[in-house]
């Protein structure tokens, strides 16, 4: 793969922060494990030819044997520009071993920069015409939605309407941006800081040919490696040939995909998320784990009291701390012993945020295996209140699908065509995790400021857990509810971003919002 894939400007990759000698550091840490004279410093492993020979031998043998933790000490901070949302979702954020800060489509108005593959002239014309239609619809939706968003905003905050000037106008506009972005294509470009360890970068290089965006991945990952090799030429010794995984799926079968999607959706029954598996004796197991930590017999600490001790913020005020300290407490680590699996369907744009909860991993689909040639999108709730906006939304989705089908029929690969799929495209997957990390996610995502679909999915998940394991779900709600029980003030930690609703007074069944 090369830059010949792109018709648009090439992705930009800059190394802006790094450990200066990653190769030597990894071997110094390896030798320290077996050192009887103390810590081996990085400069020692390359001080002379004999040391370098030993260094290279250790590097080769540990890498071949899979002793990899030594490669996690060095980290690289990359500034990435002009990369597609599809690439970020499908590759950069599809695993737990990274950190990213990327430009938001919820809070920053999109300017219309897209990743465009090279196509034949007639195909290129249709591709770019579709991008233009999507961008035009985005702008139109913002205008059509603003009156309804404004009305709902001032219904929630009537006192703000009386204030002079347009101080709150930006907050209102952001709500319109959030919904309008659903029609933008996954070709929309982003810029971000992306930090990975040396080990993750080696894995990127090995796997850069897989999944939905192999050409873009190959270009960007090669550039990342080139940047590191400039810093430390010895890093090149760690690289191995990338795997050829294109056989994972290039097949596009409308009939097979439609059968699967219909079957999947029937089980959901209109929900975003349903509980499909869990620890069989979740409450008993959790209570036993708590007693084991504290050295308590059952007659001294009942199941109910044990669960209350770890999950009730009035008794475990660690739960109300915004620094998320739960993995460092022996008591709250008992939550690791309980697991839940949910079947879900949310939009591509919502899942791009949902997947950032790396410790509740999901098995995201290959997009080519789910495409069946018809509109398959999620509708934000506000569209149901503004008929003109819904009409605009439906029209651009239909035109997009028609363009995708036309390009596929003309022989264009799904890899190239899929960049036109809108943010609203439905993503079907299963998501699993332990209670400690579900607790963290549910606490954050039942906040009224959370992305709409993730908010409702989290509410539905908590309600399902509540039915099956009431002792576990009793005190898991929005962050303001938890902070109130923990006696942390203010109850809402969001400042000016306060949603305007005293959610800390509501049962989970009454969690409802329009914007």
Protein backbone atom coordinates (compact mmCIF):
# COMPACT_ATOMS: atom_id res chain seq x y z
CA UNK A 1 0.00 0.00 0.00
CA UNK A 2 1.26 3.52 -0.72
CA UNK A 3 0.18 7.11 -0.97
CA UNK A 4 -1.37 6.20 -4.35
CA UNK A 5 -4.49 5.15 -2.43
CA UNK A 6 -5.36 8.78 -1.62
CA UNK A 7 -6.88 11.43 -3.83
CA UNK A 8 -7.17 13.77 -0.84
CA UNK A 9 -4.21 15.25 1.02
CA UNK A 10 -2.08 12.61 2.71
CA UNK A 11 -2.35 11.93 6.45
CA UNK A 12 0.24 13.78 8.50
CA UNK A 13 2.23 12.05 11.26
CA UNK A 14 4.58 13.79 13.70
CA UNK A 15 6.39 12.33 16.69
CA UNK A 16 6.06 15.04 19.36
CA UNK A 17 7.15 13.18 22.48
CA UNK A 18 9.14 10.00 23.17
CA UNK A 19 11.60 8.04 25.25
CA UNK A 20 14.82 8.74 23.35
CA UNK A 21 16.30 5.23 23.41
CA UNK A 22 13.43 2.73 23.35
CA UNK A 23 15.48 -0.22 22.11
CA UNK A 24 18.20 0.07 24.76
CA UNK A 25 15.61 0.73 27.47
CA UNK A 26 13.73 -2.49 26.69
CA UNK A 27 16.92 -4.55 27.03
CA UNK A 28 18.05 -2.72 30.17
CA UNK A 29 14.74 -3.61 31.81
CA UNK A 30 15.08 -7.22 30.66
CA UNK A 31 18.60 -7.56 32.07
CA UNK A 32 17.52 -5.92 35.34
CA UNK A 33 15.15 -8.83 35.97
CA UNK A 34 18.18 -11.13 36.32
CA UNK A 35 20.70 -8.65 37.69
CA UNK A 36 22.38 -9.40 41.01
CA UNK A 37 24.10 -6.01 41.10
CA UNK A 38 21.05 -3.73 40.90
CA UNK A 39 19.40 -1.78 38.11
CA UNK A 40 20.99 -1.96 34.66
CA UNK A 41 20.92 1.48 33.03
CA UNK A 42 20.11 1.87 29.28
CA UNK A 43 23.54 3.25 28.45
CA UNK A 44 25.18 0.11 29.87
CA UNK A 45 23.60 -2.20 27.28
CA UNK A 46 25.32 -0.40 24.39
CA UNK A 47 28.56 0.78 26.00
CA UNK A 48 30.77 -1.39 23.76
CA UNK A 49 30.57 -4.01 21.01
CA UNK A 50 30.35 -6.90 23.48
CA UNK A 51 27.43 -5.24 25.29
CA UNK A 52 25.70 -4.51 21.98
CA UNK A 53 26.04 -8.12 20.86
CA UNK A 54 24.47 -9.30 24.13
CA UNK A 55 21.78 -6.62 23.79
CA UNK A 56 20.78 -7.74 20.31
CA UNK A 57 20.77 -11.39 21.33
CA UNK A 58 18.47 -10.68 24.29
CA UNK A 59 16.20 -8.52 22.11
CA UNK A 60 15.82 -11.25 19.51
CA UNK A 61 15.26 -14.08 21.98
CA UNK A 62 12.77 -12.24 24.22
CA UNK A 63 10.75 -11.00 21.23
CA UNK A 64 10.67 -14.48 19.68
CA UNK A 65 9.65 -16.06 23.00
CA UNK A 66 6.88 -13.52 23.59
CA UNK A 67 8.45 -11.88 26.67
CA UNK A 68 7.04 -8.49 25.77
CA UNK A 69 6.54 -6.37 28.89
CA UNK A 70 9.98 -4.84 28.47
CA UNK A 71 8.65 -3.07 25.34
CA UNK A 72 5.96 -1.29 27.33
CA UNK A 73 8.30 1.10 29.15
CA UNK A 74 8.98 3.30 26.13
CA UNK A 75 6.06 5.43 24.91
CA UNK A 76 5.60 7.60 21.84
CA UNK A 77 3.28 10.58 21.48
CA UNK A 78 2.13 11.18 17.90
CA UNK A 79 0.25 14.16 16.48
CA UNK A 80 -1.93 12.77 13.70
CA UNK A 81 -3.73 14.97 11.18
CA UNK A 82 -6.00 14.25 8.21
CA UNK A 83 -6.89 10.73 9.33
CA UNK A 84 -10.42 9.43 8.80
CA UNK A 85 -12.95 8.71 11.53
CA UNK A 86 -13.25 5.22 10.05
CA UNK A 87 -9.55 4.49 10.58
CA UNK A 88 -9.70 5.79 14.15
CA UNK A 89 -12.75 3.63 14.97
CA UNK A 90 -11.65 0.50 13.13
CA UNK A 91 -7.98 0.43 14.14
CA UNK A 92 -6.53 3.10 16.44
CA UNK A 93 -9.25 2.77 19.10
CA UNK A 94 -10.20 -0.88 18.68
CA UNK A 95 -7.92 -2.14 21.46
CA UNK A 96 -7.12 -1.15 25.08
CA UNK A 97 -3.45 -0.18 24.82
CA UNK A 98 -3.43 3.49 23.79
CA UNK A 99 -4.38 6.98 24.85
CA UNK A 100 -5.98 9.54 22.51
CA UNK A 101 -7.31 13.09 22.63
CA UNK A 102 -9.09 13.89 19.36
CA UNK A 103 -11.12 16.77 18.03
CA UNK A 104 -14.81 16.41 18.94
CA UNK A 105 -17.61 16.39 16.40
CA UNK A 106 -20.06 16.99 19.26
CA UNK A 107 -18.56 20.30 20.30
CA UNK A 108 -16.60 21.54 17.26
CA UNK A 109 -18.30 22.40 13.98
CA UNK A 110 -17.04 20.23 11.13
CA UNK A 111 -15.42 22.12 8.24
CA UNK A 112 -15.61 19.47 5.54
CA UNK A 113 -12.23 17.77 5.20
CA UNK A 114 -12.56 14.18 4.00
CA UNK A 115 -10.41 11.17 3.18
CA UNK A 116 -10.99 10.47 -0.52
CA UNK A 117 -9.54 7.37 -2.24
CA UNK A 118 -8.31 7.36 -5.83
CA UNK A 119 -11.04 6.31 -8.27
CA UNK A 120 -11.78 6.49 -11.98
CA UNK A 121 -12.99 9.96 -13.05
CA UNK A 122 -16.72 9.09 -13.17
CA UNK A 123 -16.51 7.24 -9.85
CA UNK A 124 -14.55 10.09 -8.29
CA UNK A 125 -17.23 12.52 -9.41
CA UNK A 126 -20.00 10.49 -7.76
CA UNK A 127 -17.96 9.99 -4.59
CA UNK A 128 -17.21 13.69 -4.20
CA UNK A 129 -20.77 14.68 -5.16
CA UNK A 130 -22.02 12.48 -2.30
CA UNK A 131 -19.59 14.09 0.13
CA UNK A 132 -20.91 17.47 -0.94
CA UNK A 133 -24.52 16.35 -0.37
CA UNK A 134 -23.64 15.06 3.10
CA UNK A 135 -21.88 18.27 4.06
CA UNK A 136 -24.74 20.37 2.73
CA UNK A 137 -27.23 18.27 4.73
CA UNK A 138 -25.09 18.75 7.85
CA UNK A 139 -25.28 22.53 7.48
CA UNK A 140 -29.01 22.38 6.73
CA UNK A 141 -29.72 20.17 9.72
CA UNK A 142 -27.99 22.62 12.06
CA UNK A 143 -30.33 25.38 10.82
CA UNK A 144 -33.45 23.20 10.98
CA UNK A 145 -32.69 21.91 14.47
CA UNK A 146 -31.67 25.17 16.12
CA UNK A 147 -35.23 26.41 16.94
CA UNK A 148 -36.17 23.10 18.61
CA UNK A 149 -32.85 22.88 20.45
CA UNK A 150 -33.19 26.47 21.62
CA UNK A 151 -36.74 25.89 22.86
CA UNK A 152 -35.78 22.75 24.77
CA UNK A 153 -32.64 24.35 26.21
CA UNK A 154 -34.53 27.31 27.64
CA UNK A 155 -37.29 25.03 28.90
CA UNK A 156 -34.60 23.36 31.02
CA UNK A 157 -32.85 26.65 31.88
CA UNK A 158 -35.59 29.34 31.92
CA UNK A 159 -33.42 31.75 33.93
CA UNK A 160 -30.73 31.73 31.23
CA UNK A 161 -33.20 33.07 28.67
CA UNK A 162 -33.44 36.28 30.70
CA UNK A 163 -29.70 36.90 30.61
CA UNK A 164 -28.44 39.50 28.17
CA UNK A 165 -26.22 38.69 25.23
CA UNK A 166 -25.63 35.34 23.59
CA UNK A 167 -23.52 33.72 26.32
CA UNK A 168 -25.43 30.44 26.09
CA UNK A 169 -25.69 30.41 22.29
CA UNK A 170 -22.55 28.30 21.87
CA UNK A 171 -23.94 25.67 24.25
CA UNK A 172 -27.15 25.54 22.20
CA UNK A 173 -25.27 25.31 18.90
CA UNK A 174 -23.25 22.36 20.18
CA UNK A 175 -26.46 20.42 20.77
CA UNK A 176 -27.40 21.01 17.12
CA UNK A 177 -23.90 20.01 15.94
CA UNK A 178 -24.19 16.78 17.90
CA UNK A 179 -27.29 15.67 16.01
CA UNK A 180 -26.38 17.08 12.59
CA UNK A 181 -23.09 15.14 12.57
CA UNK A 182 -25.07 11.91 12.10
CA UNK A 183 -25.20 12.57 8.34
CA UNK A 184 -21.47 13.18 7.97
CA UNK A 185 -19.47 10.34 6.39
CA UNK A 186 -16.92 8.23 8.25
CA UNK A 187 -14.48 9.72 5.71
CA UNK A 188 -14.59 12.92 7.78
CA UNK A 189 -11.07 13.69 8.90
CA UNK A 190 -9.89 14.30 12.44
CA UNK A 191 -6.74 15.40 14.20
CA UNK A 192 -5.55 13.97 17.50
CA UNK A 193 -2.78 13.16 19.91
CA UNK A 194 -2.23 9.39 20.04
CA UNK A 195 0.13 7.79 22.54
CA UNK A 196 1.24 4.16 22.41
CA UNK A 197 4.00 2.02 23.89
CA UNK A 198 6.76 0.50 21.80
CA UNK A 199 4.96 -2.83 22.12
CA UNK A 200 1.70 -1.44 20.75
CA UNK A 201 3.54 0.14 17.82
CA UNK A 202 5.13 -3.24 17.02
CA UNK A 203 1.66 -4.79 17.10
CA UNK A 204 0.30 -2.02 14.86
CA UNK A 205 3.01 -2.79 12.32
CA UNK A 206 2.20 -6.51 12.40
CA UNK A 207 -1.55 -5.95 12.01
CA UNK A 208 -1.71 -2.90 9.76
CA UNK A 209 -3.22 -4.85 6.87
CA UNK A 210 -6.34 -5.99 8.74
CA UNK A 211 -9.96 -4.81 9.09
CA UNK A 212 -11.83 -2.01 7.30
CA UNK A 213 -9.12 0.52 6.38
CA UNK A 214 -5.93 -1.42 5.52
CA UNK A 215 -4.57 1.10 2.99
CA UNK A 216 -4.93 4.08 5.29
CA UNK A 217 -3.62 2.05 8.22
CA UNK A 218 -0.57 0.92 6.28
CA UNK A 219 0.32 4.46 5.27
CA UNK A 220 -0.10 5.93 8.76
CA UNK A 221 1.59 3.10 10.68
CA UNK A 222 4.58 3.10 8.33
CA UNK A 223 4.93 6.84 8.92
CA UNK A 224 4.71 6.33 12.70
CA UNK A 225 7.46 3.73 12.55
CA UNK A 226 9.59 5.95 10.32
CA UNK A 227 9.34 8.71 12.91
CA UNK A 228 10.50 6.38 15.68
CA UNK A 229 13.34 4.95 13.57
CA UNK A 230 14.61 8.50 13.02
CA UNK A 231 14.78 8.81 16.78
CA UNK A 232 16.30 5.36 17.37
CA UNK A 233 17.50 3.42 14.28
CA UNK A 234 17.83 0.26 16.40
CA UNK A 235 14.04 0.14 16.77
CA UNK A 236 13.92 -1.19 13.20
CA UNK A 237 15.46 -4.45 14.47
CA UNK A 238 12.24 -5.17 16.38
CA UNK A 239 9.96 -5.07 13.32
CA UNK A 240 8.60 -8.24 11.75
CA UNK A 241 6.61 -8.70 8.55
CA UNK A 242 2.99 -7.61 8.73
CA UNK A 243 0.30 -10.25 8.44
CA UNK A 244 -1.84 -10.53 5.31
CA UNK A 245 -5.35 -10.60 6.80
CA UNK A 246 -7.36 -9.33 3.86
CA UNK A 247 -9.16 -12.66 3.74
CA UNK A 248 -10.95 -11.61 6.97
CA UNK A 249 -13.63 -10.12 4.74
CA UNK A 250 -13.85 -8.38 1.43
CA UNK A 251 -17.03 -10.26 0.59
CA UNK A 252 -20.17 -8.13 0.41
CA UNK A 253 -23.31 -10.25 0.36
CA UNK A 254 -26.52 -8.24 0.67
CA UNK A 255 -28.71 -11.29 1.31
CA UNK A 256 -26.50 -12.87 3.96
CA UNK A 257 -25.94 -9.56 5.73
CA UNK A 258 -29.65 -8.76 5.74
CA UNK A 259 -30.54 -12.14 7.26
CA UNK A 260 -27.99 -11.63 10.02
CA UNK A 261 -29.01 -8.03 10.78
CA UNK A 262 -32.71 -8.92 10.87
CA UNK A 263 -32.04 -11.78 13.28
CA UNK A 264 -29.79 -9.61 15.47
CA UNK A 265 -32.29 -6.73 15.63
CA UNK A 266 -35.24 -9.02 16.40
CA UNK A 267 -33.53 -10.07 19.60
CA UNK A 268 -33.00 -6.42 20.62
CA UNK A 269 -36.74 -5.64 20.30
CA UNK A 270 -36.12 -1.94 19.75
CA UNK A 271 -33.62 -1.55 22.58
CA UNK A 272 -30.10 -0.18 22.24
CA UNK A 273 -28.76 -2.88 24.56
CA UNK A 274 -29.93 -6.11 26.21
CA UNK A 275 -28.28 -8.35 28.80
CA UNK A 276 -27.42 -11.70 27.20
CA UNK A 277 -25.06 -13.22 29.75
CA UNK A 278 -23.83 -12.61 33.30
CA UNK A 279 -22.15 -14.25 36.27
CA UNK A 280 -24.70 -16.82 37.38
CA UNK A 281 -24.38 -16.09 41.09
CA UNK A 282 -23.28 -12.48 40.80
CA UNK A 283 -24.60 -11.23 44.14
CA UNK A 284 -23.41 -14.26 46.13
CA UNK A 285 -19.98 -14.19 44.45
CA UNK A 286 -19.55 -10.46 45.12
CA UNK A 287 -20.57 -10.82 48.76
CA UNK A 288 -18.16 -13.72 49.26
CA UNK A 289 -15.33 -11.71 47.70
CA UNK A 290 -16.01 -8.77 50.05
CA UNK A 291 -16.01 -11.06 53.08
CA UNK A 292 -12.74 -12.63 51.91
CA UNK A 293 -11.04 -9.21 51.68
CA UNK A 294 -12.24 -8.21 55.15
CA UNK A 295 -11.88 -11.61 56.81
CA UNK A 296 -15.56 -11.75 57.80
CA UNK A 297 -17.73 -14.82 58.28
CA UNK A 298 -21.23 -14.82 56.77
CA UNK A 299 -22.86 -14.56 60.19
CA UNK A 300 -20.84 -11.37 60.77
CA UNK A 301 -21.55 -9.83 57.35
CA UNK A 302 -24.61 -10.82 55.31
CA UNK A 303 -24.68 -10.80 51.51
CA UNK A 304 -26.81 -7.65 51.51
CA UNK A 305 -24.55 -5.80 53.93
CA UNK A 306 -21.37 -6.92 52.12
CA UNK A 307 -22.65 -5.63 48.77
CA UNK A 308 -23.85 -2.41 50.39
CA UNK A 309 -20.43 -1.93 51.93
CA UNK A 310 -18.67 -1.94 48.57
CA UNK A 311 -21.32 -0.34 46.30
CA UNK A 312 -23.10 2.20 48.49
CA UNK A 313 -21.27 5.53 48.18
CA UNK A 314 -22.43 6.57 51.65
CA UNK A 315 -20.30 3.73 53.02
CA UNK A 316 -17.62 3.61 50.33
CA UNK A 317 -17.03 7.26 49.46
CA UNK A 318 -14.23 6.26 47.09
CA UNK A 319 -17.02 5.80 44.52
CA UNK A 320 -17.69 9.54 44.44
CA UNK A 321 -14.13 10.57 43.65
CA UNK A 322 -13.61 11.80 40.09
CA UNK A 323 -10.06 10.39 39.92
CA UNK A 324 -11.46 6.85 39.55
CA UNK A 325 -9.45 5.20 42.30
CA UNK A 326 -11.34 1.91 42.34
CA UNK A 327 -8.60 -0.34 40.94
CA UNK A 328 -6.29 0.70 43.81
CA UNK A 329 -8.66 -0.33 46.60
CA UNK A 330 -8.70 -3.91 47.83
CA UNK A 331 -12.38 -3.57 48.64
CA UNK A 332 -13.54 -2.21 45.27
CA UNK A 333 -11.36 -4.70 43.38
CA UNK A 334 -13.93 -7.30 44.46
CA UNK A 335 -16.11 -5.88 41.65
CA UNK A 336 -13.77 -7.60 39.18
CA UNK A 337 -15.36 -10.94 40.12
CA UNK A 338 -18.75 -10.21 38.49
CA UNK A 339 -19.22 -10.06 34.70
CA UNK A 340 -21.92 -8.94 32.26
CA UNK A 341 -22.29 -9.27 28.47
CA UNK A 342 -24.69 -7.09 26.44
CA UNK A 343 -25.87 -7.30 22.84
CA UNK A 344 -25.99 -3.81 21.36
CA UNK A 345 -26.78 -1.69 18.35
CA UNK A 346 -25.77 1.95 18.26
CA UNK A 347 -24.57 4.32 15.55
CA UNK A 348 -21.00 4.48 14.28
CA UNK A 349 -20.59 7.93 15.84
CA UNK A 350 -21.90 6.75 19.22
CA UNK A 351 -19.74 3.63 19.12
CA UNK A 352 -16.69 5.76 18.39
CA UNK A 353 -17.23 7.15 21.89
CA UNK A 354 -18.44 3.92 23.46
CA UNK A 355 -15.27 2.05 22.45
CA UNK A 356 -13.19 4.52 24.46
CA UNK A 357 -14.35 2.52 27.48
CA UNK A 358 -11.52 0.11 26.78
CA UNK A 359 -12.12 -2.10 29.81
CA UNK A 360 -15.59 -3.12 28.62
CA UNK A 361 -14.36 -4.38 25.25
CA UNK A 362 -16.69 -5.01 22.33
CA UNK A 363 -16.44 -7.32 19.33
CA UNK A 364 -17.03 -4.71 16.63
CA UNK A 365 -18.00 -5.93 13.15
CA UNK A 366 -16.26 -5.92 9.83
CA UNK A 367 -18.41 -3.33 8.05
CA UNK A 368 -18.40 -5.26 4.77
CA UNK A 369 -20.05 -8.24 6.50
CA UNK A 370 -23.00 -6.15 7.74
CA UNK A 371 -23.76 -4.04 4.67
CA UNK A 372 -26.97 -5.09 2.89
CA UNK A 373 -27.57 -2.25 0.45
CA UNK A 374 -30.37 -0.42 2.30
CA UNK A 375 -30.45 2.47 4.80
CA UNK A 376 -29.43 1.06 8.18
CA UNK A 377 -29.16 4.04 10.49
CA UNK A 378 -29.95 5.29 13.99
CA UNK A 379 -32.29 8.25 14.57
CA UNK A 380 -31.52 10.76 17.34
CA UNK A 381 -34.64 11.53 19.38
CA UNK A 382 -34.90 15.19 18.39
CA UNK A 383 -35.41 14.25 14.73
CA UNK A 384 -38.80 12.85 15.76
CA UNK A 385 -39.76 16.34 16.93
CA UNK A 386 -38.70 18.23 13.77
CA UNK A 387 -40.30 16.76 10.64
CA UNK A 388 -38.35 18.98 8.24
CA UNK A 389 -35.07 17.82 9.78
CA UNK A 390 -36.11 14.16 9.60
CA UNK A 391 -37.02 14.59 5.94
CA UNK A 392 -33.61 16.14 5.20
CA UNK A 393 -31.93 13.32 7.14
CA UNK A 394 -33.81 10.56 5.30
CA UNK A 395 -33.13 12.08 1.90
CA UNK A 396 -29.37 12.32 2.33
CA UNK A 397 -29.17 8.79 3.79
CA UNK A 398 -31.08 7.40 0.79
CA UNK A 399 -28.84 9.29 -1.65
CA UNK A 400 -25.75 8.04 0.16
CA UNK A 401 -26.83 4.40 0.02
CA UNK A 402 -27.71 4.77 -3.66
CA UNK A 403 -24.21 6.14 -4.37
CA UNK A 404 -22.54 3.36 -2.36
CA UNK A 405 -24.51 0.70 -4.26
CA UNK A 406 -23.70 2.29 -7.61
CA UNK A 407 -19.99 2.33 -6.83
CA UNK A 408 -20.03 -1.27 -5.59
CA UNK A 409 -21.81 -2.41 -8.76
CA UNK A 410 -19.17 -0.67 -10.88
CA UNK A 411 -16.49 -2.75 -9.17
CA UNK A 412 -15.10 -0.31 -6.61
CA UNK A 413 -13.85 -2.14 -3.49
CA UNK A 414 -15.82 -1.91 -0.28
CA UNK A 415 -12.70 -0.56 1.40
CA UNK A 416 -12.92 2.56 -0.77
CA UNK A 417 -16.70 2.85 -0.91
CA UNK A 418 -17.32 2.44 2.83
CA UNK A 419 -15.82 5.87 3.53
CA UNK A 420 -19.17 7.30 2.36
CA UNK A 421 -21.16 5.52 5.07
CA UNK A 422 -22.68 8.08 7.43
CA UNK A 423 -21.91 8.44 11.13
CA UNK A 424 -25.46 7.25 11.77
CA UNK A 425 -24.76 3.77 10.37
CA UNK A 426 -25.82 1.02 12.77
CA UNK A 427 -23.05 -0.93 14.50
CA UNK A 428 -24.05 -4.31 15.95
CA UNK A 429 -21.80 -5.97 18.51
CA UNK A 430 -21.44 -7.61 21.91
CA UNK A 431 -19.78 -5.85 24.83
CA UNK A 432 -18.47 -7.52 27.98
CA UNK A 433 -16.73 -6.53 31.15
CA UNK A 434 -16.45 -6.85 34.90
CA UNK A 435 -18.61 -4.92 37.34
CA UNK A 436 -15.80 -2.56 38.36
CA UNK A 437 -15.47 -1.22 34.82
CA UNK A 438 -19.19 -1.34 34.08
CA UNK A 439 -19.71 0.71 37.25
CA UNK A 440 -17.26 3.33 35.99
CA UNK A 441 -18.94 3.44 32.60
CA UNK A 442 -22.52 3.50 33.89
CA UNK A 443 -21.68 6.25 36.35
CA UNK A 444 -20.25 8.45 33.60
CA UNK A 445 -22.70 7.61 30.84
CA UNK A 446 -25.95 8.00 32.78
CA UNK A 447 -25.02 11.66 33.16
CA UNK A 448 -27.44 13.78 31.11
CA UNK A 449 -24.44 15.28 29.29
CA UNK A 450 -23.38 11.88 27.93
CA UNK A 451 -23.85 11.06 24.24
CA UNK A 452 -27.56 10.30 23.73
CA UNK A 453 -27.36 6.70 22.52
CA UNK A 454 -24.75 5.68 25.08
CA UNK A 455 -26.87 7.34 27.76
CA UNK A 456 -29.98 5.33 26.85
CA UNK A 457 -27.98 2.12 26.36
CA UNK A 458 -26.48 2.57 29.84
CA UNK A 459 -29.91 3.23 31.37
CA UNK A 460 -31.29 0.10 29.71
CA UNK A 461 -28.32 -1.95 30.91
CA UNK A 462 -28.70 -0.78 34.49
CA UNK A 463 -32.42 -1.51 34.44
CA UNK A 464 -31.75 -5.06 33.23
CA UNK A 465 -29.16 -5.60 35.96
CA UNK A 466 -31.60 -4.13 38.47
CA UNK A 467 -34.21 -6.76 37.55
CA UNK A 468 -31.81 -9.66 37.89
CA UNK A 469 -29.45 -8.42 40.62
CA UNK A 470 -31.25 -5.67 42.60
CA UNK A 471 -28.64 -5.52 45.38
CA UNK A 472 -25.90 -4.76 42.85
CA UNK A 473 -27.80 -2.08 40.91
CA UNK A 474 -29.38 -0.33 43.90
CA UNK A 475 -26.82 2.49 44.16
CA UNK A 476 -25.43 2.73 40.61
CA UNK A 477 -26.79 5.81 38.86
CA UNK A 478 -25.58 9.15 37.50
CA UNK A 479 -22.42 10.71 38.98
CA UNK A 480 -24.42 13.37 40.83
CA UNK A 481 -26.48 10.66 42.59
CA UNK A 482 -23.31 8.83 43.64
CA UNK A 483 -21.62 12.06 44.77
CA UNK A 484 -24.66 13.00 46.85
CA UNK A 485 -24.52 9.67 48.70
CA UNK A 486 -20.76 10.07 49.11
CA UNK A 487 -21.35 13.60 50.47
CA UNK A 488 -19.16 15.09 47.74
CA UNK A 489 -20.14 18.67 46.87
CA UNK A 490 -21.18 20.01 44.50
CA UNK A 491 -23.31 16.98 43.58
CA UNK A 492 -22.83 17.81 39.89
CA UNK A 493 -19.10 18.14 39.08
CA UNK A 494 -19.73 19.62 35.62
CA UNK A 495 -19.80 23.34 36.52
CA UNK A 496 -21.27 25.40 33.64
CA UNK A 497 -22.03 22.12 31.88
CA UNK A 498 -24.66 21.20 34.49
CA UNK A 499 -27.57 19.60 32.61
CA UNK A 500 -30.21 21.63 34.47
CA UNK A 501 -31.99 18.59 35.92
CA UNK A 502 -31.55 17.45 39.56
CA UNK A 503 -30.86 13.90 38.40
CA UNK A 504 -29.68 12.92 41.88
CA UNK A 505 -33.35 12.87 42.95
CA UNK A 506 -34.56 10.54 40.17
CA UNK A 507 -34.94 6.75 40.03
CA UNK A 508 -33.28 5.19 36.99
CA UNK A 509 -36.71 4.50 35.42
CA UNK A 510 -37.29 8.25 35.08
CA UNK A 511 -34.05 9.06 33.26
CA UNK A 512 -35.35 10.82 30.11
CA UNK A 513 -33.93 13.60 27.93
CA UNK A 514 -34.40 15.11 24.47
CA UNK A 515 -31.08 16.95 24.05
